[in-house]
Amino acid sequence: NDDLEHLLAALQEDPGKPEFAEAADRLRLQGDAARALFVCLGGLSANPSHHRGRLVLAHVYYDLGFFPFAAREIREILQHRPEDETLRKLLVRLSPTDAAHPTSPSTHGAATSE
């Protein structure tokens, strides 16, 4: 736990350090989803292309019951990793409306023009 606190202290100075994903995931696994959300959002605002951080954020949203937000993060990762079948399957479970077009920018439950 001391290690995590040191990491969180370092993230206070530089929230976009790549280690933010590890810190957020550890917080999430300890049951502190609110703090994990804060760490993820801070890290991604400074480092938006950090895919592992985005995946941890999807997990946090899932744990909090924010399934449409979790699906949105998975769609974002799939834009950069379209070959990832595990993520595609997860997205279909989170958002069945994305089954046909998992990388579309549509929001959960929204009607599409296709």
C-alpha atoms as a PDB file:
ATOM      1  CA  ASN A   1       0.000   0.000   0.000  1.00  0.00           C
ATOM      2  CA  ASP A   2       2.955   2.319   0.653  1.00  0.00           C
ATOM      3  CA  ASP A   3       4.006   1.749  -2.960  1.00  0.00           C
ATOM      4  CA  LEU A   4       0.562   2.809  -4.177  1.00  0.00           C
ATOM      5  CA  GLU A   5       0.614   5.940  -2.020  1.00  0.00           C
ATOM      6  CA  HIS A   6       4.018   6.918  -3.441  1.00  0.00           C
ATOM      7  CA  LEU A   7       2.684   6.386  -6.944  1.00  0.00           C
ATOM      8  CA  LEU A   8      -0.391   8.496  -6.216  1.00  0.00           C
ATOM      9  CA  ALA A   9       1.824  11.245  -4.794  1.00  0.00           C
ATOM     10  CA  ALA A  10       3.902  11.243  -7.990  1.00  0.00           C
ATOM     11  CA  LEU A  11       0.713  11.475 -10.032  1.00  0.00           C
ATOM     12  CA  GLN A  12      -0.257  14.629  -8.133  1.00  0.00           C
ATOM     13  CA  GLU A  13       2.674  16.365  -9.831  1.00  0.00           C
ATOM     14  CA  ASP A  14       2.239  14.704 -13.231  1.00  0.00           C
ATOM     15  CA  PRO A  15      -1.180  13.034 -13.666  1.00  0.00           C
ATOM     16  CA  GLY A  16      -0.359  11.898 -17.205  1.00  0.00           C
ATOM     17  CA  LYS A  17       2.531   9.637 -16.223  1.00  0.00           C
ATOM     18  CA  PRO A  18       1.888   6.218 -17.793  1.00  0.00           C
ATOM     19  CA  GLU A  19       1.777   4.694 -14.303  1.00  0.00           C
ATOM     20  CA  PHE A  20      -1.628   6.304 -13.749  1.00  0.00           C
ATOM     21  CA  ALA A  21      -3.254   3.211 -15.270  1.00  0.00           C
ATOM     22  CA  GLU A  22      -1.569   0.890 -12.774  1.00  0.00           C
ATOM     23  CA  ALA A  23      -2.489   3.132  -9.853  1.00  0.00           C
ATOM     24  CA  ALA A  24      -6.109   3.416 -10.974  1.00  0.00           C
ATOM     25  CA  ASP A  25      -6.408  -0.317 -11.512  1.00  0.00           C
ATOM     26  CA  ARG A  26      -5.009  -1.031  -8.058  1.00  0.00           C
ATOM     27  CA  LEU A  27      -7.468   1.420  -6.511  1.00  0.00           C
ATOM     28  CA  ARG A  28     -10.308  -0.208  -8.451  1.00  0.00           C
ATOM     29  CA  LEU A  29      -9.305  -3.677  -7.282  1.00  0.00           C
ATOM     30  CA  GLN A  30      -9.219  -2.398  -3.697  1.00  0.00           C
ATOM     31  CA  GLY A  31     -12.814  -1.246  -4.108  1.00  0.00           C
ATOM     32  CA  ASP A  32     -12.077   2.462  -4.395  1.00  0.00           C
ATOM     33  CA  ALA A  33     -13.761   3.042  -7.758  1.00  0.00           C
ATOM     34  CA  ALA A  34     -14.365   6.749  -7.134  1.00  0.00           C
ATOM     35  CA  ARG A  35     -10.687   7.435  -6.571  1.00  0.00           C
ATOM     36  CA  ALA A  36      -9.768   5.184  -9.504  1.00  0.00           C
ATOM     37  CA  LEU A  37     -12.117   7.209 -11.708  1.00  0.00           C
ATOM     38  CA  PHE A  38     -10.448  10.448 -10.626  1.00  0.00           C
ATOM     39  CA  VAL A  39      -6.959   9.049 -11.342  1.00  0.00           C
ATOM     40  CA  CYS A  40      -8.036   7.706 -14.761  1.00  0.00           C
ATOM     41  CA  LEU A  41      -9.701  10.915 -15.851  1.00  0.00           C
ATOM     42  CA  GLY A  42      -6.700  12.964 -14.758  1.00  0.00           C
ATOM     43  CA  GLY A  43      -4.289  10.633 -16.518  1.00  0.00           C
ATOM     44  CA  LEU A  44      -6.275  10.474 -19.729  1.00  0.00           C
ATOM     45  CA  SER A  45      -6.782  14.227 -19.857  1.00  0.00           C
ATOM     46  CA  ALA A  46      -2.986  14.585 -19.951  1.00  0.00           C
ATOM     47  CA  ASN A  47      -2.304  11.397 -21.932  1.00  0.00           C
ATOM     48  CA  PRO A  48      -5.411  10.615 -24.045  1.00  0.00           C
ATOM     49  CA  SER A  49      -3.769   7.979 -26.229  1.00  0.00           C
ATOM     50  CA  HIS A  50      -2.874   5.708 -23.294  1.00  0.00           C
ATOM     51  CA  HIS A  51      -4.927   2.626 -24.232  1.00  0.00           C
ATOM     52  CA  ARG A  52      -4.315   0.696 -21.018  1.00  0.00           C
ATOM     53  CA  GLY A  53      -5.556   3.712 -19.061  1.00  0.00           C
ATOM     54  CA  ARG A  54      -8.656   3.810 -21.233  1.00  0.00           C
ATOM     55  CA  LEU A  55      -9.237   0.098 -20.600  1.00  0.00           C
ATOM     56  CA  VAL A  56      -8.906   0.618 -16.842  1.00  0.00           C
ATOM     57  CA  LEU A  57     -11.396   3.485 -17.162  1.00  0.00           C
ATOM     58  CA  ALA A  58     -13.810   1.119 -18.913  1.00  0.00           C
ATOM     59  CA  HIS A  59     -13.431  -1.303 -15.994  1.00  0.00           C
ATOM     60  CA  VAL A  60     -14.069   1.510 -13.498  1.00  0.00           C
ATOM     61  CA  TYR A  61     -17.189   2.616 -15.358  1.00  0.00           C
ATOM     62  CA  TYR A  62     -18.357  -0.999 -15.453  1.00  0.00           C
ATOM     63  CA  ASP A  63     -17.780  -1.411 -11.717  1.00  0.00           C
ATOM     64  CA  LEU A  64     -19.776   1.764 -11.095  1.00  0.00           C
ATOM     65  CA  GLY A  65     -22.625   0.495 -13.279  1.00  0.00           C
ATOM     66  CA  PHE A  66     -22.040   3.107 -15.995  1.00  0.00           C
ATOM     67  CA  PHE A  67     -22.265   0.588 -18.826  1.00  0.00           C
ATOM     68  CA  PRO A  68     -22.772   3.090 -21.684  1.00  0.00           C
ATOM     69  CA  PHE A  69     -19.603   4.905 -20.607  1.00  0.00           C
ATOM     70  CA  ALA A  70     -17.691   1.622 -20.377  1.00  0.00           C
ATOM     71  CA  ALA A  71     -18.870   0.773 -23.909  1.00  0.00           C
ATOM     72  CA  ARG A  72     -17.766   4.209 -25.149  1.00  0.00           C
ATOM     73  CA  GLU A  73     -14.231   3.627 -23.843  1.00  0.00           C
ATOM     74  CA  ILE A  74     -14.082   0.177 -25.461  1.00  0.00           C
ATOM     75  CA  ARG A  75     -15.216   1.694 -28.780  1.00  0.00           C
ATOM     76  CA  GLU A  76     -12.423   4.248 -28.477  1.00  0.00           C
ATOM     77  CA  ILE A  77      -9.807   1.525 -27.945  1.00  0.00           C
ATOM     78  CA  LEU A  78     -11.204  -0.454 -30.873  1.00  0.00           C
ATOM     79  CA  GLN A  79     -10.580   2.541 -33.127  1.00  0.00           C
ATOM     80  CA  HIS A  80      -6.876   1.849 -32.572  1.00  0.00           C
ATOM     81  CA  ARG A  81      -7.003  -1.933 -32.105  1.00  0.00           C
ATOM     82  CA  PRO A  82      -9.785  -3.160 -34.441  1.00  0.00           C
ATOM     83  CA  GLU A  83      -8.351  -6.696 -34.499  1.00  0.00           C
ATOM     84  CA  ASP A  84      -8.924  -7.219 -30.753  1.00  0.00           C
ATOM     85  CA  GLU A  85     -11.706  -9.832 -30.676  1.00  0.00           C
ATOM     86  CA  THR A  86     -11.814  -9.917 -26.880  1.00  0.00           C
ATOM     87  CA  LEU A  87     -12.694  -6.232 -26.788  1.00  0.00           C
ATOM     88  CA  ARG A  88     -15.274  -6.697 -29.550  1.00  0.00           C
ATOM     89  CA  LYS A  89     -16.977  -9.464 -27.576  1.00  0.00           C
ATOM     90  CA  LEU A  90     -16.943  -7.357 -24.434  1.00  0.00           C
ATOM     91  CA  LEU A  91     -18.469  -4.435 -26.322  1.00  0.00           C
ATOM     92  CA  VAL A  92     -21.288  -6.626 -27.652  1.00  0.00           C
ATOM     93  CA  ARG A  93     -22.039  -7.747 -24.090  1.00  0.00           C
ATOM     94  CA  LEU A  94     -22.045  -4.165 -22.837  1.00  0.00           C
ATOM     95  CA  SER A  95     -23.897  -2.698 -25.778  1.00  0.00           C
ATOM     96  CA  PRO A  96     -25.757  -5.174 -28.012  1.00  0.00           C
ATOM     97  CA  THR A  97     -26.619  -2.317 -30.386  1.00  0.00           C
ATOM     98  CA  ASP A  98     -22.918  -2.237 -31.286  1.00  0.00           C
ATOM     99  CA  ALA A  99     -22.896  -5.852 -32.473  1.00  0.00           C
ATOM    100  CA  ALA A 100     -23.055  -4.892 -36.148  1.00  0.00           C
ATOM    101  CA  HIS A 101     -20.819  -1.804 -35.973  1.00  0.00           C
ATOM    102  CA  PRO A 102     -18.604  -1.957 -32.881  1.00  0.00           C
ATOM    103  CA  THR A 103     -16.348   0.901 -33.929  1.00  0.00           C
ATOM    104  CA  SER A 104     -19.128   3.301 -34.863  1.00  0.00           C
ATOM    105  CA  PRO A 105     -19.276   6.564 -32.921  1.00  0.00           C
ATOM    106  CA  SER A 106     -22.915   5.982 -31.954  1.00  0.00           C
ATOM    107  CA  THR A 107     -23.864   6.158 -28.306  1.00  0.00           C
ATOM    108  CA  HIS A 108     -25.423   3.305 -26.374  1.00  0.00           C
ATOM    109  CA  GLY A 109     -29.058   2.892 -27.242  1.00  0.00           C
ATOM    110  CA  ALA A 110     -29.068   5.617 -29.861  1.00  0.00           C
ATOM    111  CA  ALA A 111     -30.743   4.994 -33.189  1.00  0.00           C
ATOM    112  CA  THR A 112     -28.397   4.786 -36.129  1.00  0.00           C
ATOM    113  CA  SER A 113     -29.014   5.871 -39.684  1.00  0.00           C
ATOM    114  CA  GLU A 114     -27.721   2.567 -41.079  1.00  0.00           C
END
